[in-house]
Amino acid sequence: MAIEVFNRYESKYLMDTKAFYTLYNQLLTYMELDAYNKNDKFYSISNIYFDTEHDSLIRNSLAKPKYREKLRIRAYGVPEEDAKVYLELKKKVFGLVNKRRTALKLKESYDFVRTGVEPEYQDYMNKQVIQEIKYFLGRYDLVPKVYLAYDRIAMFYKENRDLRITFDTNIRSRRVDLKLESGDHGEQLLSRGQWLMEVKAEKTIPLWLSRMLSEHQMYRTSFSKYGNEYKKMRMNATQQIAGERIQL
């Protein structure tokens, strides 16, 4: 069954390319690359995030309440129209991230979110997650809001695969042509040469990792790809309005 369930804590760090390569090479002593990253190759992740007409989900998330939630369709690379993707429901409660996802065909995922009617069950789906997403869809009138893609390197701790570290770069977004199959083009969200590292663990991180982060003066930051895209979009809209007023 194509289903993954995660319950973990996530810590995020921003860094430049030099810091990335320094950490990356040291981490290889303790960690191994994801199968998709063999030979130091990136793999690409693309997402469509859904929200209400007035962006209530992301606005609530940016207010940093004790509970927040979001829904997205995720694919690896640019999917064909009949490809399998993941429909993911992500929640954060008191800092603990709970992610539940089920595989669907791309059209099935679009139709499910648009209508709220669950797809006809197939053996690659997870019934429980579909019911949870159906309940979520019944609470909100959702539309596709933003496309987000990025290139990733992922690593797992050799002694305990519950510890995972990812590095994302070339984060790009768009608010038009909101179809995963339409390609992975978009505007850059971060400055050139910036990386987002995420440390994901069910419990505490090992002492060697804590020491490594401290040695390189890596400090946790609050960074949401969707949240930062939304803030950037709002800032650009405000600047545009201000410019139009000056011209008048």
C-alpha atoms as a PDB file:
ATOM      1  CA  MET A   1       0.000   0.000   0.000  1.00  0.00           C
ATOM      2  CA  ALA A   2       1.428   3.367  -1.011  1.00  0.00           C
ATOM      3  CA  ILE A   3       1.098   5.186   2.293  1.00  0.00           C
ATOM      4  CA  GLU A   4       3.496   6.934   4.594  1.00  0.00           C
ATOM      5  CA  VAL A   5       2.700   8.313   8.036  1.00  0.00           C
ATOM      6  CA  PHE A   6       5.099  10.615   9.849  1.00  0.00           C
ATOM      7  CA  ASN A   7       5.127  11.935  13.400  1.00  0.00           C
ATOM      8  CA  ARG A   8       8.250  13.948  14.015  1.00  0.00           C
ATOM      9  CA  TYR A   9       9.854  17.196  15.054  1.00  0.00           C
ATOM     10  CA  GLU A  10      11.406  19.374  12.365  1.00  0.00           C
ATOM     11  CA  SER A  11      14.151  21.956  12.815  1.00  0.00           C
ATOM     12  CA  LYS A  12      15.090  24.285   9.956  1.00  0.00           C
ATOM     13  CA  TYR A  13      18.308  26.112   9.118  1.00  0.00           C
ATOM     14  CA  LEU A  14      19.238  28.504   6.303  1.00  0.00           C
ATOM     15  CA  MET A  15      22.773  28.510   4.897  1.00  0.00           C
ATOM     16  CA  ASP A  16      24.907  29.443   1.924  1.00  0.00           C
ATOM     17  CA  THR A  17      26.572  27.027  -0.499  1.00  0.00           C
ATOM     18  CA  LYS A  18      29.893  26.957   1.372  1.00  0.00           C
ATOM     19  CA  ALA A  19      28.172  25.981   4.630  1.00  0.00           C
ATOM     20  CA  PHE A  20      26.123  23.367   2.787  1.00  0.00           C
ATOM     21  CA  TYR A  21      29.147  21.566   1.367  1.00  0.00           C
ATOM     22  CA  THR A  22      30.972  21.690   4.695  1.00  0.00           C
ATOM     23  CA  LEU A  23      28.055  20.136   6.579  1.00  0.00           C
ATOM     24  CA  TYR A  24      27.178  17.728   3.784  1.00  0.00           C
ATOM     25  CA  ASN A  25      30.674  16.218   3.674  1.00  0.00           C
ATOM     26  CA  GLN A  26      30.812  15.844   7.457  1.00  0.00           C
ATOM     27  CA  LEU A  27      27.356  14.287   7.630  1.00  0.00           C
ATOM     28  CA  LEU A  28      28.383  11.534   5.207  1.00  0.00           C
ATOM     29  CA  THR A  29      30.414  10.030   8.076  1.00  0.00           C
ATOM     30  CA  TYR A  30      27.204   9.261   9.954  1.00  0.00           C
ATOM     31  CA  MET A  31      24.515   9.274   7.303  1.00  0.00           C
ATOM     32  CA  GLU A  32      23.733   7.701   3.948  1.00  0.00           C
ATOM     33  CA  LEU A  33      22.108   9.247   0.934  1.00  0.00           C
ATOM     34  CA  ASP A  34      18.538   8.582  -0.102  1.00  0.00           C
ATOM     35  CA  ALA A  35      18.282   6.102  -2.979  1.00  0.00           C
ATOM     36  CA  TYR A  36      17.237   8.934  -5.309  1.00  0.00           C
ATOM     37  CA  ASN A  37      20.419  10.854  -4.468  1.00  0.00           C
ATOM     38  CA  LYS A  38      22.978   8.234  -5.385  1.00  0.00           C
ATOM     39  CA  ASN A  39      25.948   9.672  -7.290  1.00  0.00           C
ATOM     40  CA  ASP A  40      25.246  13.049  -5.621  1.00  0.00           C
ATOM     41  CA  LYS A  41      22.283  13.752  -7.879  1.00  0.00           C
ATOM     42  CA  PHE A  42      19.354  15.893  -6.795  1.00  0.00           C
ATOM     43  CA  TYR A  43      15.761  14.846  -7.102  1.00  0.00           C
ATOM     44  CA  SER A  44      12.980  17.359  -7.633  1.00  0.00           C
ATOM     45  CA  ILE A  45       9.784  17.673  -5.608  1.00  0.00           C
ATOM     46  CA  SER A  46       6.783  19.608  -6.878  1.00  0.00           C
ATOM     47  CA  ASN A  47       3.680  20.608  -4.915  1.00  0.00           C
ATOM     48  CA  ILE A  48       0.326  22.280  -5.320  1.00  0.00           C
ATOM     49  CA  TYR A  49      -0.887  23.890  -2.083  1.00  0.00           C
ATOM     50  CA  PHE A  50      -4.598  24.419  -1.506  1.00  0.00           C
ATOM     51  CA  ASP A  51      -6.243  27.129   0.526  1.00  0.00           C
ATOM     52  CA  THR A  52      -9.497  29.032   0.859  1.00  0.00           C
ATOM     53  CA  GLU A  53     -10.313  32.004  -1.355  1.00  0.00           C
ATOM     54  CA  HIS A  54      -9.098  34.361   1.357  1.00  0.00           C
ATOM     55  CA  ASP A  55      -6.009  32.303   2.311  1.00  0.00           C
ATOM     56  CA  SER A  56      -7.298  31.381   5.760  1.00  0.00           C
ATOM     57  CA  LEU A  57      -5.049  28.308   6.167  1.00  0.00           C
ATOM     58  CA  ILE A  58      -1.763  30.069   5.507  1.00  0.00           C
ATOM     59  CA  ARG A  59      -2.776  33.208   7.408  1.00  0.00           C
ATOM     60  CA  ASN A  60      -3.631  31.064  10.406  1.00  0.00           C
ATOM     61  CA  SER A  61      -0.344  29.190  10.073  1.00  0.00           C
ATOM     62  CA  LEU A  62       1.671  32.415   9.991  1.00  0.00           C
ATOM     63  CA  ALA A  63       0.013  33.468  13.258  1.00  0.00           C
ATOM     64  CA  LYS A  64       1.803  30.449  14.799  1.00  0.00           C
ATOM     65  CA  PRO A  65      -1.084  28.902  16.730  1.00  0.00           C
ATOM     66  CA  LYS A  66      -0.623  25.683  18.692  1.00  0.00           C
ATOM     67  CA  TYR A  67      -2.465  23.818  15.924  1.00  0.00           C
ATOM     68  CA  ARG A  68      -2.180  24.382  12.180  1.00  0.00           C
ATOM     69  CA  GLU A  69      -2.898  22.342   9.068  1.00  0.00           C
ATOM     70  CA  LYS A  70      -2.453  22.355   5.293  1.00  0.00           C
ATOM     71  CA  LEU A  71      -3.226  20.211   2.263  1.00  0.00           C
ATOM     72  CA  ARG A  72      -1.083  19.656  -0.806  1.00  0.00           C
ATOM     73  CA  ILE A  73      -0.559  17.371  -3.769  1.00  0.00           C
ATOM     74  CA  ARG A  74       3.052  16.236  -4.070  1.00  0.00           C
ATOM     75  CA  ALA A  75       4.890  14.662  -6.991  1.00  0.00           C
ATOM     76  CA  TYR A  76       8.474  13.720  -7.659  1.00  0.00           C
ATOM     77  CA  GLY A  77       9.584  15.526 -10.776  1.00  0.00           C
ATOM     78  CA  VAL A  78       6.994  16.613 -13.339  1.00  0.00           C
ATOM     79  CA  PRO A  79       4.257  13.948 -13.442  1.00  0.00           C
ATOM     80  CA  GLU A  80       2.363  12.747 -16.477  1.00  0.00           C
ATOM     81  CA  GLU A  81      -1.405  13.161 -16.388  1.00  0.00           C
ATOM     82  CA  ASP A  82      -1.941   9.497 -15.413  1.00  0.00           C
ATOM     83  CA  ALA A  83       0.947   9.318 -12.917  1.00  0.00           C
ATOM     84  CA  LYS A  84       0.612   8.467  -9.252  1.00  0.00           C
ATOM     85  CA  VAL A  85       1.141  11.340  -6.833  1.00  0.00           C
ATOM     86  CA  TYR A  86       0.594  11.882  -3.117  1.00  0.00           C
ATOM     87  CA  LEU A  87      -2.241  13.784  -1.508  1.00  0.00           C
ATOM     88  CA  GLU A  88      -0.894  14.925   1.847  1.00  0.00           C
ATOM     89  CA  LEU A  89      -2.558  16.289   4.953  1.00  0.00           C
ATOM     90  CA  LYS A  90       0.030  17.961   7.167  1.00  0.00           C
ATOM     91  CA  LYS A  91      -0.694  19.088  10.721  1.00  0.00           C
ATOM     92  CA  LYS A  92       1.454  20.658  13.409  1.00  0.00           C
ATOM     93  CA  VAL A  93       0.446  20.375  17.047  1.00  0.00           C
ATOM     94  CA  PHE A  94       2.648  21.877  19.784  1.00  0.00           C
ATOM     95  CA  GLY A  95       5.651  21.612  17.457  1.00  0.00           C
ATOM     96  CA  LEU A  96       5.038  17.962  16.493  1.00  0.00           C
ATOM     97  CA  VAL A  97       4.514  17.465  12.761  1.00  0.00           C
ATOM     98  CA  ASN A  98       2.000  14.831  11.704  1.00  0.00           C
ATOM     99  CA  LYS A  99       1.906  14.043   8.009  1.00  0.00           C
ATOM    100  CA  ARG A 100      -0.488  11.547   6.468  1.00  0.00           C
ATOM    101  CA  ARG A 101      -0.536  10.824   2.774  1.00  0.00           C
ATOM    102  CA  THR A 102      -2.020   8.457   0.269  1.00  0.00           C
ATOM    103  CA  ALA A 103      -1.136   7.679  -3.315  1.00  0.00           C
ATOM    104  CA  LEU A 104      -3.643   8.700  -5.973  1.00  0.00           C
ATOM    105  CA  LYS A 105      -3.609   9.172  -9.702  1.00  0.00           C
ATOM    106  CA  LEU A 106      -3.077  12.822 -10.571  1.00  0.00           C
ATOM    107  CA  LYS A 107      -6.606  13.299 -11.929  1.00  0.00           C
ATOM    108  CA  GLU A 108      -8.052  11.484  -8.901  1.00  0.00           C
ATOM    109  CA  SER A 109      -6.311  13.890  -6.570  1.00  0.00           C
ATOM    110  CA  TYR A 110      -7.519  16.959  -8.475  1.00  0.00           C
ATOM    111  CA  ASP A 111     -11.096  15.664  -8.553  1.00  0.00           C
ATOM    112  CA  PHE A 112     -11.082  14.690  -4.872  1.00  0.00           C
ATOM    113  CA  VAL A 113      -9.990  18.133  -3.703  1.00  0.00           C
ATOM    114  CA  ARG A 114     -12.320  19.926  -6.119  1.00  0.00           C
ATOM    115  CA  THR A 115     -15.474  17.935  -5.310  1.00  0.00           C
ATOM    116  CA  GLY A 116     -14.851  16.464  -1.853  1.00  0.00           C
ATOM    117  CA  VAL A 117     -16.072  13.133  -3.210  1.00  0.00           C
ATOM    118  CA  GLU A 118     -13.690  10.308  -2.383  1.00  0.00           C
ATOM    119  CA  PRO A 119     -12.311   8.366  -5.362  1.00  0.00           C
ATOM    120  CA  GLU A 120     -13.310   4.795  -6.050  1.00  0.00           C
ATOM    121  CA  TYR A 121     -11.033   2.688  -3.882  1.00  0.00           C
ATOM    122  CA  GLN A 122      -7.962   1.098  -5.475  1.00  0.00           C
ATOM    123  CA  ASP A 123      -5.334  -1.059  -3.807  1.00  0.00           C
ATOM    124  CA  TYR A 124      -2.707   1.715  -3.939  1.00  0.00           C
ATOM    125  CA  MET A 125      -4.870   4.002  -1.787  1.00  0.00           C
ATOM    126  CA  ASN A 126      -5.193   4.189   1.983  1.00  0.00           C
ATOM    127  CA  LYS A 127      -8.825   4.208   3.125  1.00  0.00           C
ATOM    128  CA  GLN A 128      -8.150   5.752   6.531  1.00  0.00           C
ATOM    129  CA  VAL A 129      -6.180   8.691   5.147  1.00  0.00           C
ATOM    130  CA  ILE A 130      -8.770   9.272   2.434  1.00  0.00           C
ATOM    131  CA  GLN A 131     -11.468   9.502   5.101  1.00  0.00           C
ATOM    132  CA  GLU A 132      -9.394  11.977   7.093  1.00  0.00           C
ATOM    133  CA  ILE A 133      -8.835  14.117   4.009  1.00  0.00           C
ATOM    134  CA  LYS A 134     -12.532  13.902   3.141  1.00  0.00           C
ATOM    135  CA  TYR A 135     -13.385  15.260   6.589  1.00  0.00           C
ATOM    136  CA  PHE A 136     -10.830  18.053   6.118  1.00  0.00           C
ATOM    137  CA  LEU A 137     -12.292  18.953   2.719  1.00  0.00           C
ATOM    138  CA  GLY A 138     -15.749  19.140   4.290  1.00  0.00           C
ATOM    139  CA  ARG A 139     -14.548  21.909   6.591  1.00  0.00           C
ATOM    140  CA  TYR A 140     -13.023  24.146   3.933  1.00  0.00           C
ATOM    141  CA  ASP A 141     -13.856  25.308   0.421  1.00  0.00           C
ATOM    142  CA  LEU A 142     -10.408  24.886  -1.119  1.00  0.00           C
ATOM    143  CA  VAL A 143      -8.859  25.997  -4.394  1.00  0.00           C
ATOM    144  CA  PRO A 144      -5.310  25.586  -5.740  1.00  0.00           C
ATOM    145  CA  LYS A 145      -3.268  28.575  -4.588  1.00  0.00           C
ATOM    146  CA  VAL A 146       0.409  28.117  -5.310  1.00  0.00           C
ATOM    147  CA  TYR A 147       2.885  25.829  -7.041  1.00  0.00           C
ATOM    148  CA  LEU A 148       6.156  25.155  -5.193  1.00  0.00           C
ATOM    149  CA  ALA A 149       9.091  23.058  -6.392  1.00  0.00           C
ATOM    150  CA  TYR A 150      12.661  22.521  -5.236  1.00  0.00           C
ATOM    151  CA  ASP A 151      15.695  20.303  -5.724  1.00  0.00           C
ATOM    152  CA  ARG A 152      16.544  18.058  -2.789  1.00  0.00           C
ATOM    153  CA  ILE A 153      19.304  15.981  -1.300  1.00  0.00           C
ATOM    154  CA  ALA A 154      18.116  13.692   1.515  1.00  0.00           C
ATOM    155  CA  MET A 155      20.109  11.658   4.030  1.00  0.00           C
ATOM    156  CA  PHE A 156      19.288   9.041   6.672  1.00  0.00           C
ATOM    157  CA  TYR A 157      21.180   8.244   9.848  1.00  0.00           C
ATOM    158  CA  LYS A 158      22.907   4.901   9.360  1.00  0.00           C
ATOM    159  CA  GLU A 159      22.028   3.671  12.858  1.00  0.00           C
ATOM    160  CA  ASN A 160      18.442   4.913  12.976  1.00  0.00           C
ATOM    161  CA  ARG A 161      16.491   5.888   9.866  1.00  0.00           C
ATOM    162  CA  ASP A 162      14.032   7.854  12.013  1.00  0.00           C
ATOM    163  CA  LEU A 163      16.572  10.676  11.759  1.00  0.00           C
ATOM    164  CA  ARG A 164      16.466  12.319   8.348  1.00  0.00           C
ATOM    165  CA  ILE A 165      18.167  15.457   7.031  1.00  0.00           C
ATOM    166  CA  THR A 166      17.191  17.188   3.813  1.00  0.00           C
ATOM    167  CA  PHE A 167      18.788  20.035   1.881  1.00  0.00           C
ATOM    168  CA  ASP A 168      16.567  22.013  -0.505  1.00  0.00           C
ATOM    169  CA  THR A 169      17.736  24.558  -3.050  1.00  0.00           C
ATOM    170  CA  ASN A 170      16.437  26.260  -6.186  1.00  0.00           C
ATOM    171  CA  ILE A 171      13.058  26.756  -4.484  1.00  0.00           C
ATOM    172  CA  ARG A 172      10.676  28.154  -7.088  1.00  0.00           C
ATOM    173  CA  SER A 173       7.021  29.110  -7.114  1.00  0.00           C
ATOM    174  CA  ARG A 174       4.205  30.403  -9.280  1.00  0.00           C
ATOM    175  CA  ARG A 175       0.576  31.424  -8.832  1.00  0.00           C
ATOM    176  CA  VAL A 176      -0.526  30.802 -12.409  1.00  0.00           C
ATOM    177  CA  ASP A 177      -0.877  27.583 -14.399  1.00  0.00           C
ATOM    178  CA  LEU A 178      -1.475  25.586 -11.209  1.00  0.00           C
ATOM    179  CA  LYS A 179      -1.047  22.101 -12.606  1.00  0.00           C
ATOM    180  CA  LEU A 180       1.774  19.766 -11.652  1.00  0.00           C
ATOM    181  CA  GLU A 181       1.971  18.431 -15.195  1.00  0.00           C
ATOM    182  CA  SER A 182       2.596  21.937 -16.583  1.00  0.00           C
ATOM    183  CA  GLY A 183       6.304  21.937 -15.727  1.00  0.00           C
ATOM    184  CA  ASP A 184       8.450  23.015 -12.797  1.00  0.00           C
ATOM    185  CA  HIS A 185       9.143  26.629 -13.769  1.00  0.00           C
ATOM    186  CA  GLY A 186       8.649  29.499 -11.322  1.00  0.00           C
ATOM    187  CA  GLU A 187      10.193  32.503  -9.597  1.00  0.00           C
ATOM    188  CA  GLN A 188      12.998  31.981  -7.111  1.00  0.00           C
ATOM    189  CA  LEU A 189      11.940  32.138  -3.470  1.00  0.00           C
ATOM    190  CA  LEU A 190      15.437  32.399  -1.964  1.00  0.00           C
ATOM    191  CA  SER A 191      18.516  34.282  -3.065  1.00  0.00           C
ATOM    192  CA  ARG A 192      20.895  32.457  -5.361  1.00  0.00           C
ATOM    193  CA  GLY A 193      23.140  30.021  -3.496  1.00  0.00           C
ATOM    194  CA  GLN A 194      20.915  29.682  -0.417  1.00  0.00           C
ATOM    195  CA  TRP A 195      19.956  26.315   1.034  1.00  0.00           C
ATOM    196  CA  LEU A 196      17.277  25.206   3.461  1.00  0.00           C
ATOM    197  CA  MET A 197      18.277  22.331   5.729  1.00  0.00           C
ATOM    198  CA  GLU A 198      15.640  20.430   7.683  1.00  0.00           C
ATOM    199  CA  VAL A 199      16.484  18.027  10.509  1.00  0.00           C
ATOM    200  CA  LYS A 200      13.606  15.604  11.031  1.00  0.00           C
ATOM    201  CA  ALA A 201      13.514  13.286  14.020  1.00  0.00           C
ATOM    202  CA  GLU A 202      10.914  11.448  16.082  1.00  0.00           C
ATOM    203  CA  LYS A 203      12.754  12.261  19.300  1.00  0.00           C
ATOM    204  CA  THR A 204      15.919  14.138  20.234  1.00  0.00           C
ATOM    205  CA  ILE A 205      18.825  14.398  17.823  1.00  0.00           C
ATOM    206  CA  PRO A 206      22.076  12.520  18.618  1.00  0.00           C
ATOM    207  CA  LEU A 207      24.847  14.315  20.492  1.00  0.00           C
ATOM    208  CA  TRP A 208      27.250  14.239  17.528  1.00  0.00           C
ATOM    209  CA  LEU A 209      24.738  16.175  15.401  1.00  0.00           C
ATOM    210  CA  SER A 210      24.066  18.716  18.130  1.00  0.00           C
ATOM    211  CA  ARG A 211      27.796  19.321  18.451  1.00  0.00           C
ATOM    212  CA  MET A 212      28.233  19.617  14.694  1.00  0.00           C
ATOM    213  CA  LEU A 213      25.481  22.226  14.393  1.00  0.00           C
ATOM    214  CA  SER A 214      26.940  24.173  17.306  1.00  0.00           C
ATOM    215  CA  GLU A 215      30.458  24.003  15.855  1.00  0.00           C
ATOM    216  CA  HIS A 216      29.252  25.564  12.600  1.00  0.00           C
ATOM    217  CA  GLN A 217      27.042  28.105  14.386  1.00  0.00           C
ATOM    218  CA  MET A 218      23.881  26.750  12.807  1.00  0.00           C
ATOM    219  CA  TYR A 219      20.837  28.260  14.506  1.00  0.00           C
ATOM    220  CA  ARG A 220      17.242  27.192  14.069  1.00  0.00           C
ATOM    221  CA  THR A 221      14.974  29.434  12.076  1.00  0.00           C
ATOM    222  CA  SER A 222      11.261  29.536  11.388  1.00  0.00           C
ATOM    223  CA  PHE A 223      10.851  28.999   7.663  1.00  0.00           C
ATOM    224  CA  SER A 224       7.798  27.763   5.787  1.00  0.00           C
ATOM    225  CA  LYS A 225       8.096  27.555   1.997  1.00  0.00           C
ATOM    226  CA  TYR A 226       4.400  28.278   1.514  1.00  0.00           C
ATOM    227  CA  GLY A 227       4.411  30.882   4.284  1.00  0.00           C
ATOM    228  CA  ASN A 228       7.384  32.763   2.855  1.00  0.00           C
ATOM    229  CA  GLU A 229       5.940  32.615  -0.653  1.00  0.00           C
ATOM    230  CA  TYR A 230       2.697  34.095   0.669  1.00  0.00           C
ATOM    231  CA  LYS A 231       4.523  36.908   2.488  1.00  0.00           C
ATOM    232  CA  LYS A 232       6.565  37.648  -0.632  1.00  0.00           C
ATOM    233  CA  MET A 233       3.408  37.731  -2.750  1.00  0.00           C
ATOM    234  CA  ARG A 234       1.736  40.139  -0.325  1.00  0.00           C
ATOM    235  CA  MET A 235       4.788  42.397  -0.219  1.00  0.00           C
ATOM    236  CA  ASN A 236       4.966  42.522  -4.031  1.00  0.00           C
ATOM    237  CA  ALA A 237       1.254  43.347  -4.214  1.00  0.00           C
ATOM    238  CA  THR A 238       1.669  46.148  -1.674  1.00  0.00           C
ATOM    239  CA  GLN A 239       4.629  47.606  -3.585  1.00  0.00           C
ATOM    240  CA  GLN A 240       2.702  47.449  -6.827  1.00  0.00           C
ATOM    241  CA  ILE A 241      -0.261  49.314  -5.308  1.00  0.00           C
ATOM    242  CA  ALA A 242       2.095  51.929  -3.859  1.00  0.00           C
ATOM    243  CA  GLY A 243       3.713  52.385  -7.256  1.00  0.00           C
ATOM    244  CA  GLU A 244       0.377  52.835  -8.962  1.00  0.00           C
ATOM    245  CA  ARG A 245      -0.612  55.486  -6.412  1.00  0.00           C
ATOM    246  CA  ILE A 246       2.615  57.411  -7.039  1.00  0.00           C
ATOM    247  CA  GLN A 247       1.922  57.398 -10.785  1.00  0.00           C
ATOM    248  CA  LEU A 248      -1.556  58.805 -10.161  1.00  0.00           C
END
